[in-house]
Amino acid sequence: MFCGISVVKTELVRPEQMTGSCELCMLTDGVVKQFPTATVETDTPFYKGHAKAVCVDNPVQEVIGNITGALAEMAGSTAHMSV
């Protein structure tokens, strides 16, 4: 479960955005893995600003957000998040 952290596809992150640290994350199958972290700037209808993200090589979406302070998503809507 990610609380106040996002997931971003590694190839979208610039080297200068990397923090040099890692986070342990539990995946949906119960496996715990360590991922490098980055600080990325997001610009969506639901959240605009900097967010901490774990970098994953092959996530199910390019960006997945669970950010404290983001607006609640409206039913049926989708957002494109630029990194």
PDB file of N, CA and C in Angstrom:
ATOM      1  N   MET A   1       0.847  -1.174   0.000  1.00  0.00           N
ATOM      2  CA  MET A   1       0.000   0.000   0.000  1.00  0.00           C
ATOM      3  C   MET A   1       0.890   1.234   0.000  1.00  0.00           C
ATOM      4  N   PHE A   2       0.579   2.203  -0.819  1.00  0.00           N
ATOM      5  CA  PHE A   2       1.334   3.440  -0.902  1.00  0.00           C
ATOM      6  C   PHE A   2       0.526   4.546  -0.231  1.00  0.00           C
ATOM      7  N   CYS A   3       1.091   5.170   0.753  1.00  0.00           N
ATOM      8  CA  CYS A   3       0.418   6.273   1.439  1.00  0.00           C
ATOM      9  C   CYS A   3       1.219   7.541   1.220  1.00  0.00           C
ATOM     10  N   GLY A   4       0.645   8.481   0.488  1.00  0.00           N
ATOM     11  CA  GLY A   4       1.341   9.729   0.234  1.00  0.00           C
ATOM     12  C   GLY A   4       2.520   9.575  -0.696  1.00  0.00           C
ATOM     13  N   ILE A   5       2.509   8.554  -1.522  1.00  0.00           N
ATOM     14  CA  ILE A   5       3.608   8.316  -2.463  1.00  0.00           C
ATOM     15  C   ILE A   5       3.016   7.873  -3.787  1.00  0.00           C
ATOM     16  N   SER A   6       3.719   8.147  -4.857  1.00  0.00           N
ATOM     17  CA  SER A   6       3.276   7.764  -6.193  1.00  0.00           C
ATOM     18  C   SER A   6       4.218   6.724  -6.776  1.00  0.00           C
ATOM     19  N   VAL A   7       3.781   6.133  -7.865  1.00  0.00           N
ATOM     20  CA  VAL A   7       4.611   5.209  -8.640  1.00  0.00           C
ATOM     21  C   VAL A   7       4.796   5.838 -10.005  1.00  0.00           C
ATOM     22  N   VAL A   8       6.021   5.834 -10.507  1.00  0.00           N
ATOM     23  CA  VAL A   8       6.291   6.393 -11.818  1.00  0.00           C
ATOM     24  C   VAL A   8       7.200   5.437 -12.591  1.00  0.00           C
ATOM     25  N   LYS A   9       6.971   5.362 -13.887  1.00  0.00           N
ATOM     26  CA  LYS A   9       7.813   4.526 -14.732  1.00  0.00           C
ATOM     27  C   LYS A   9       9.223   5.101 -14.742  1.00  0.00           C
ATOM     28  N   THR A  10      10.198   4.253 -14.454  1.00  0.00           N
ATOM     29  CA  THR A  10      11.590   4.685 -14.288  1.00  0.00           C
ATOM     30  C   THR A  10      12.098   5.508 -15.462  1.00  0.00           C
ATOM     31  N   GLU A  11      11.782   5.120 -16.689  1.00  0.00           N
ATOM     32  CA  GLU A  11      12.331   5.827 -17.850  1.00  0.00           C
ATOM     33  C   GLU A  11      11.806   7.250 -17.994  1.00  0.00           C
ATOM     34  N   LEU A  12      10.774   7.624 -17.243  1.00  0.00           N
ATOM     35  CA  LEU A  12      10.249   8.990 -17.288  1.00  0.00           C
ATOM     36  C   LEU A  12      10.962   9.936 -16.331  1.00  0.00           C
ATOM     37  N   VAL A  13      11.810   9.380 -15.471  1.00  0.00           N
ATOM     38  CA  VAL A  13      12.470  10.176 -14.430  1.00  0.00           C
ATOM     39  C   VAL A  13      13.872  10.593 -14.885  1.00  0.00           C
ATOM     40  N   ARG A  14      14.172  11.885 -14.751  1.00  0.00           N
ATOM     41  CA  ARG A  14      15.500  12.389 -15.074  1.00  0.00           C
ATOM     42  C   ARG A  14      16.460  12.080 -13.923  1.00  0.00           C
ATOM     43  N   PRO A  15      17.732  11.886 -14.211  1.00  0.00           N
ATOM     44  CA  PRO A  15      18.708  11.559 -13.163  1.00  0.00           C
ATOM     45  C   PRO A  15      18.705  12.556 -12.002  1.00  0.00           C
ATOM     46  N   GLU A  16      18.540  13.842 -12.298  1.00  0.00           N
ATOM     47  CA  GLU A  16      18.575  14.848 -11.231  1.00  0.00           C
ATOM     48  C   GLU A  16      17.341  14.785 -10.322  1.00  0.00           C
ATOM     49  N   GLN A  17      16.298  14.053 -10.718  1.00  0.00           N
ATOM     50  CA  GLN A  17      15.111  13.888  -9.878  1.00  0.00           C
ATOM     51  C   GLN A  17      15.265  12.749  -8.861  1.00  0.00           C
ATOM     52  N   MET A  18      16.251  11.895  -9.056  1.00  0.00           N
ATOM     53  CA  MET A  18      16.467  10.764  -8.152  1.00  0.00           C
ATOM     54  C   MET A  18      16.943  11.273  -6.793  1.00  0.00           C
ATOM     55  N   THR A  19      16.440  10.657  -5.710  1.00  0.00           N
ATOM     56  CA  THR A  19      16.788  11.107  -4.364  1.00  0.00           C
ATOM     57  C   THR A  19      18.013  10.392  -3.801  1.00  0.00           C
ATOM     58  N   GLY A  20      18.351   9.234  -4.358  1.00  0.00           N
ATOM     59  CA  GLY A  20      19.446   8.441  -3.814  1.00  0.00           C
ATOM     60  C   GLY A  20      19.006   7.499  -2.710  1.00  0.00           C
ATOM     61  N   SER A  21      17.720   7.507  -2.393  1.00  0.00           N
ATOM     62  CA  SER A  21      17.207   6.596  -1.372  1.00  0.00           C
ATOM     63  C   SER A  21      16.213   5.615  -1.987  1.00  0.00           C
ATOM     64  N   CYS A  22      15.768   4.661  -1.187  1.00  0.00           N
ATOM     65  CA  CYS A  22      14.837   3.625  -1.643  1.00  0.00           C
ATOM     66  C   CYS A  22      13.704   3.468  -0.638  1.00  0.00           C
ATOM     67  N   GLU A  23      12.589   2.907  -1.100  1.00  0.00           N
ATOM     68  CA  GLU A  23      11.435   2.608  -0.253  1.00  0.00           C
ATOM     69  C   GLU A  23      11.066   1.140  -0.427  1.00  0.00           C
ATOM     70  N   LEU A  24      10.651   0.506   0.656  1.00  0.00           N
ATOM     71  CA  LEU A  24      10.093  -0.838   0.579  1.00  0.00           C
ATOM     72  C   LEU A  24       8.603  -0.708   0.304  1.00  0.00           C
ATOM     73  N   CYS A  25       8.118  -1.471  -0.679  1.00  0.00           N
ATOM     74  CA  CYS A  25       6.710  -1.424  -1.050  1.00  0.00           C
ATOM     75  C   CYS A  25       6.163  -2.832  -1.161  1.00  0.00           C
ATOM     76  N   MET A  26       4.946  -3.035  -0.668  1.00  0.00           N
ATOM     77  CA  MET A  26       4.294  -4.320  -0.818  1.00  0.00           C
ATOM     78  C   MET A  26       3.430  -4.287  -2.074  1.00  0.00           C
ATOM     79  N   LEU A  27       3.668  -5.238  -2.961  1.00  0.00           N
ATOM     80  CA  LEU A  27       2.915  -5.336  -4.197  1.00  0.00           C
ATOM     81  C   LEU A  27       1.590  -6.063  -3.950  1.00  0.00           C
ATOM     82  N   THR A  28       0.705  -6.044  -4.930  1.00  0.00           N
ATOM     83  CA  THR A  28      -0.612  -6.643  -4.756  1.00  0.00           C
ATOM     84  C   THR A  28      -0.555  -8.140  -4.480  1.00  0.00           C
ATOM     85  N   ASP A  29       0.524  -8.804  -4.889  1.00  0.00           N
ATOM     86  CA  ASP A  29       0.653 -10.246  -4.626  1.00  0.00           C
ATOM     87  C   ASP A  29       1.306 -10.531  -3.275  1.00  0.00           C
ATOM     88  N   GLY A  30       1.555  -9.498  -2.475  1.00  0.00           N
ATOM     89  CA  GLY A  30       2.115  -9.662  -1.145  1.00  0.00           C
ATOM     90  C   GLY A  30       3.635  -9.644  -1.094  1.00  0.00           C
ATOM     91  N   VAL A  31       4.290  -9.591  -2.237  1.00  0.00           N
ATOM     92  CA  VAL A  31       5.749  -9.549  -2.285  1.00  0.00           C
ATOM     93  C   VAL A  31       6.217  -8.136  -1.923  1.00  0.00           C
ATOM     94  N   VAL A  32       7.240  -8.050  -1.085  1.00  0.00           N
ATOM     95  CA  VAL A  32       7.813  -6.758  -0.706  1.00  0.00           C
ATOM     96  C   VAL A  32       9.089  -6.548  -1.508  1.00  0.00           C
ATOM     97  N   LYS A  33       9.168  -5.412  -2.197  1.00  0.00           N
ATOM     98  CA  LYS A  33      10.341  -5.080  -3.004  1.00  0.00           C
ATOM     99  C   LYS A  33      10.830  -3.687  -2.647  1.00  0.00           C
ATOM    100  N   GLN A  34      12.098  -3.465  -2.928  1.00  0.00           N
ATOM    101  CA  GLN A  34      12.719  -2.160  -2.693  1.00  0.00           C
ATOM    102  C   GLN A  34      12.817  -1.430  -4.026  1.00  0.00           C
ATOM    103  N   PHE A  35      12.393  -0.155  -4.035  1.00  0.00           N
ATOM    104  CA  PHE A  35      12.431   0.654  -5.247  1.00  0.00           C
ATOM    105  C   PHE A  35      13.138   1.976  -4.963  1.00  0.00           C
ATOM    106  N   PRO A  36      13.902   2.486  -5.939  1.00  0.00           N
ATOM    107  CA  PRO A  36      14.511   3.813  -5.778  1.00  0.00           C
ATOM    108  C   PRO A  36      13.426   4.884  -5.797  1.00  0.00           C
ATOM    109  N   THR A  37      13.719   6.021  -5.162  1.00  0.00           N
ATOM    110  CA  THR A  37      12.742   7.105  -5.115  1.00  0.00           C
ATOM    111  C   THR A  37      13.232   8.334  -5.867  1.00  0.00           C
ATOM    112  N   ALA A  38      12.260   9.149  -6.263  1.00  0.00           N
ATOM    113  CA  ALA A  38      12.544  10.405  -6.958  1.00  0.00           C
ATOM    114  C   ALA A  38      11.530  11.443  -6.497  1.00  0.00           C
ATOM    115  N   THR A  39      11.867  12.694  -6.679  1.00  0.00           N
ATOM    116  CA  THR A  39      10.921  13.781  -6.468  1.00  0.00           C
ATOM    117  C   THR A  39      10.531  14.283  -7.845  1.00  0.00           C
ATOM    118  N   VAL A  40       9.252  14.138  -8.175  1.00  0.00           N
ATOM    119  CA  VAL A  40       8.775  14.508  -9.505  1.00  0.00           C
ATOM    120  C   VAL A  40       7.732  15.614  -9.390  1.00  0.00           C
ATOM    121  N   GLU A  41       7.624  16.402 -10.433  1.00  0.00           N
ATOM    122  CA  GLU A  41       6.605  17.443 -10.484  1.00  0.00           C
ATOM    123  C   GLU A  41       5.416  16.895 -11.247  1.00  0.00           C
ATOM    124  N   THR A  42       4.231  17.011 -10.658  1.00  0.00           N
ATOM    125  CA  THR A  42       3.024  16.518 -11.312  1.00  0.00           C
ATOM    126  C   THR A  42       2.116  17.684 -11.660  1.00  0.00           C
ATOM    127  N   ASP A  43       1.358  17.502 -12.731  1.00  0.00           N
ATOM    128  CA  ASP A  43       0.414  18.526 -13.177  1.00  0.00           C
ATOM    129  C   ASP A  43      -0.823  17.814 -13.712  1.00  0.00           C
ATOM    130  N   THR A  44      -1.801  17.627 -12.839  1.00  0.00           N
ATOM    131  CA  THR A  44      -3.042  16.941 -13.212  1.00  0.00           C
ATOM    132  C   THR A  44      -4.222  17.761 -12.704  1.00  0.00           C
ATOM    133  N   PRO A  45      -5.437  17.408 -13.106  1.00  0.00           N
ATOM    134  CA  PRO A  45      -6.612  18.089 -12.537  1.00  0.00           C
ATOM    135  C   PRO A  45      -6.772  17.830 -11.033  1.00  0.00           C
ATOM    136  N   PHE A  46      -6.131  16.799 -10.511  1.00  0.00           N
ATOM    137  CA  PHE A  46      -6.326  16.393  -9.126  1.00  0.00           C
ATOM    138  C   PHE A  46      -5.210  16.843  -8.193  1.00  0.00           C
ATOM    139  N   TYR A  47      -4.010  17.065  -8.737  1.00  0.00           N
ATOM    140  CA  TYR A  47      -2.877  17.479  -7.920  1.00  0.00           C
ATOM    141  C   TYR A  47      -1.848  18.168  -8.806  1.00  0.00           C
ATOM    142  N   LYS A  48      -1.334  19.276  -8.311  1.00  0.00           N
ATOM    143  CA  LYS A  48      -0.278  19.998  -9.011  1.00  0.00           C
ATOM    144  C   LYS A  48       0.805  20.325  -7.998  1.00  0.00           C
ATOM    145  N   GLY A  49       2.035  19.908  -8.293  1.00  0.00           N
ATOM    146  CA  GLY A  49       3.141  20.185  -7.394  1.00  0.00           C
ATOM    147  C   GLY A  49       4.136  19.050  -7.385  1.00  0.00           C
ATOM    148  N   HIS A  50       5.023  19.083  -6.424  1.00  0.00           N
ATOM    149  CA  HIS A  50       6.053  18.048  -6.295  1.00  0.00           C
ATOM    150  C   HIS A  50       5.514  16.888  -5.471  1.00  0.00           C
ATOM    151  N   ALA A  51       5.937  15.686  -5.835  1.00  0.00           N
ATOM    152  CA  ALA A  51       5.516  14.487  -5.119  1.00  0.00           C
ATOM    153  C   ALA A  51       6.669  13.495  -5.070  1.00  0.00           C
ATOM    154  N   LYS A  52       6.733  12.764  -3.993  1.00  0.00           N
ATOM    155  CA  LYS A  52       7.696  11.681  -3.882  1.00  0.00           C
ATOM    156  C   LYS A  52       7.127  10.484  -4.635  1.00  0.00           C
ATOM    157  N   ALA A  53       7.992   9.808  -5.380  1.00  0.00           N
ATOM    158  CA  ALA A  53       7.542   8.656  -6.159  1.00  0.00           C
ATOM    159  C   ALA A  53       8.567   7.537  -6.089  1.00  0.00           C
ATOM    160  N   VAL A  54       8.066   6.301  -6.132  1.00  0.00           N
ATOM    161  CA  VAL A  54       8.967   5.166  -6.292  1.00  0.00           C
ATOM    162  C   VAL A  54       9.065   4.895  -7.789  1.00  0.00           C
ATOM    163  N   CYS A  55      10.246   4.536  -8.243  1.00  0.00           N
ATOM    164  CA  CYS A  55      10.508   4.312  -9.663  1.00  0.00           C
ATOM    165  C   CYS A  55      10.441   2.813  -9.953  1.00  0.00           C
ATOM    166  N   VAL A  56       9.531   2.449 -10.861  1.00  0.00           N
ATOM    167  CA  VAL A  56       9.285   1.055 -11.208  1.00  0.00           C
ATOM    168  C   VAL A  56       9.494   0.893 -12.707  1.00  0.00           C
ATOM    169  N   ASP A  57      10.225  -0.141 -13.099  1.00  0.00           N
ATOM    170  CA  ASP A  57      10.536  -0.338 -14.520  1.00  0.00           C
ATOM    171  C   ASP A  57       9.312  -0.611 -15.371  1.00  0.00           C
ATOM    172  N   ASN A  58       8.400  -1.445 -14.908  1.00  0.00           N
ATOM    173  CA  ASN A  58       7.227  -1.833 -15.701  1.00  0.00           C
ATOM    174  C   ASN A  58       5.939  -1.765 -14.899  1.00  0.00           C
ATOM    175  N   PRO A  59       5.515  -0.558 -14.487  1.00  0.00           N
ATOM    176  CA  PRO A  59       4.252  -0.460 -13.745  1.00  0.00           C
ATOM    177  C   PRO A  59       3.058  -0.660 -14.689  1.00  0.00           C
ATOM    178  N   VAL A  60       1.878  -0.922 -14.137  1.00  0.00           N
ATOM    179  CA  VAL A  60       0.689  -1.125 -14.965  1.00  0.00           C
ATOM    180  C   VAL A  60       0.270   0.162 -15.679  1.00  0.00           C
ATOM    181  N   GLN A  61       0.618   1.319 -15.133  1.00  0.00           N
ATOM    182  CA  GLN A  61       0.408   2.626 -15.754  1.00  0.00           C
ATOM    183  C   GLN A  61       1.711   3.401 -15.614  1.00  0.00           C
ATOM    184  N   GLU A  62       1.929   4.400 -16.474  1.00  0.00           N
ATOM    185  CA  GLU A  62       3.171   5.171 -16.397  1.00  0.00           C
ATOM    186  C   GLU A  62       3.292   5.939 -15.088  1.00  0.00           C
ATOM    187  N   VAL A  63       2.160   6.428 -14.583  1.00  0.00           N
ATOM    188  CA  VAL A  63       2.153   7.153 -13.314  1.00  0.00           C
ATOM    189  C   VAL A  63       0.920   6.714 -12.530  1.00  0.00           C
ATOM    190  N   ILE A  64       1.130   6.355 -11.267  1.00  0.00           N
ATOM    191  CA  ILE A  64       0.034   5.986 -10.377  1.00  0.00           C
ATOM    192  C   ILE A  64       0.194   6.842  -9.136  1.00  0.00           C
ATOM    193  N   GLY A  65      -0.850   7.585  -8.774  1.00  0.00           N
ATOM    194  CA  GLY A  65      -0.715   8.495  -7.657  1.00  0.00           C
ATOM    195  C   GLY A  65      -1.598   8.156  -6.481  1.00  0.00           C
ATOM    196  N   ASN A  66      -1.067   8.341  -5.315  1.00  0.00           N
ATOM    197  CA  ASN A  66      -1.806   8.277  -4.055  1.00  0.00           C
ATOM    198  C   ASN A  66      -1.175   9.349  -3.186  1.00  0.00           C
ATOM    199  N   ILE A  67      -1.556  10.587  -3.451  1.00  0.00           N
ATOM    200  CA  ILE A  67      -0.865  11.725  -2.859  1.00  0.00           C
ATOM    201  C   ILE A  67      -1.770  12.420  -1.847  1.00  0.00           C
ATOM    202  N   THR A  68      -1.269  12.577  -0.648  1.00  0.00           N
ATOM    203  CA  THR A  68      -1.991  13.314   0.375  1.00  0.00           C
ATOM    204  C   THR A  68      -2.215  14.740  -0.121  1.00  0.00           C
ATOM    205  N   GLY A  69      -3.448  15.210  -0.044  1.00  0.00           N
ATOM    206  CA  GLY A  69      -3.775  16.559  -0.489  1.00  0.00           C
ATOM    207  C   GLY A  69      -4.336  16.630  -1.899  1.00  0.00           C
ATOM    208  N   ALA A  70      -4.365  15.489  -2.606  1.00  0.00           N
ATOM    209  CA  ALA A  70      -4.938  15.476  -3.951  1.00  0.00           C
ATOM    210  C   ALA A  70      -6.457  15.556  -3.848  1.00  0.00           C
ATOM    211  N   LEU A  71      -7.088  16.126  -4.858  1.00  0.00           N
ATOM    212  CA  LEU A  71      -8.543  16.183  -4.902  1.00  0.00           C
ATOM    213  C   LEU A  71      -9.089  14.794  -5.167  1.00  0.00           C
ATOM    214  N   ALA A  72     -10.256  14.501  -4.652  1.00  0.00           N
ATOM    215  CA  ALA A  72     -10.896  13.205  -4.894  1.00  0.00           C
ATOM    216  C   ALA A  72     -11.249  13.085  -6.373  1.00  0.00           C
ATOM    217  N   GLU A  73     -10.979  11.915  -6.952  1.00  0.00           N
ATOM    218  CA  GLU A  73     -11.273  11.692  -8.363  1.00  0.00           C
ATOM    219  C   GLU A  73     -12.775  11.585  -8.564  1.00  0.00           C
ATOM    220  N   MET A  74     -13.275  12.204  -9.622  1.00  0.00           N
ATOM    221  CA  MET A  74     -14.676  12.117  -9.954  1.00  0.00           C
ATOM    222  C   MET A  74     -14.922  10.779 -10.647  1.00  0.00           C
ATOM    223  N   ALA A  75     -16.041  10.158 -10.366  1.00  0.00           N
ATOM    224  CA  ALA A  75     -16.362   8.845 -10.930  1.00  0.00           C
ATOM    225  C   ALA A  75     -16.309   8.884 -12.436  1.00  0.00           C
ATOM    226  N   GLY A  76     -15.579   7.927 -13.004  1.00  0.00           N
ATOM    227  CA  GLY A  76     -15.511   7.779 -14.457  1.00  0.00           C
ATOM    228  C   GLY A  76     -14.531   8.691 -15.156  1.00  0.00           C
ATOM    229  N   SER A  77     -13.869   9.588 -14.442  1.00  0.00           N
ATOM    230  CA  SER A  77     -12.938  10.490 -15.120  1.00  0.00           C
ATOM    231  C   SER A  77     -11.529   9.932 -15.044  1.00  0.00           C
ATOM    232  N   THR A  78     -10.703  10.342 -15.989  1.00  0.00           N
ATOM    233  CA  THR A  78      -9.304   9.942 -15.984  1.00  0.00           C
ATOM    234  C   THR A  78      -8.458  11.191 -16.149  1.00  0.00           C
ATOM    235  N   ALA A  79      -7.214  11.086 -15.758  1.00  0.00           N
ATOM    236  CA  ALA A  79      -6.311  12.239 -15.868  1.00  0.00           C
ATOM    237  C   ALA A  79      -4.994  11.783 -16.450  1.00  0.00           C
ATOM    238  N   HIS A  80      -4.379  12.662 -17.219  1.00  0.00           N
ATOM    239  CA  HIS A  80      -3.036  12.417 -17.701  1.00  0.00           C
ATOM    240  C   HIS A  80      -2.090  13.169 -16.778  1.00  0.00           C
ATOM    241  N   MET A  81      -1.128  12.470 -16.261  1.00  0.00           N
ATOM    242  CA  MET A  81      -0.172  13.087 -15.349  1.00  0.00           C
ATOM    243  C   MET A  81       1.150  13.246 -16.068  1.00  0.00           C
ATOM    244  N   SER A  82       1.630  14.459 -16.188  1.00  0.00           N
ATOM    245  CA  SER A  82       2.933  14.664 -16.803  1.00  0.00           C
ATOM    246  C   SER A  82       3.986  14.702 -15.722  1.00  0.00           C
ATOM    247  N   VAL A  83       5.134  14.124 -16.026  1.00  0.00           N
ATOM    248  CA  VAL A  83       6.229  14.057 -15.049  1.00  0.00           C
ATOM    249  C   VAL A  83       7.352  14.961 -15.495  1.00  0.00           C
TER     250      VAL A  83
END
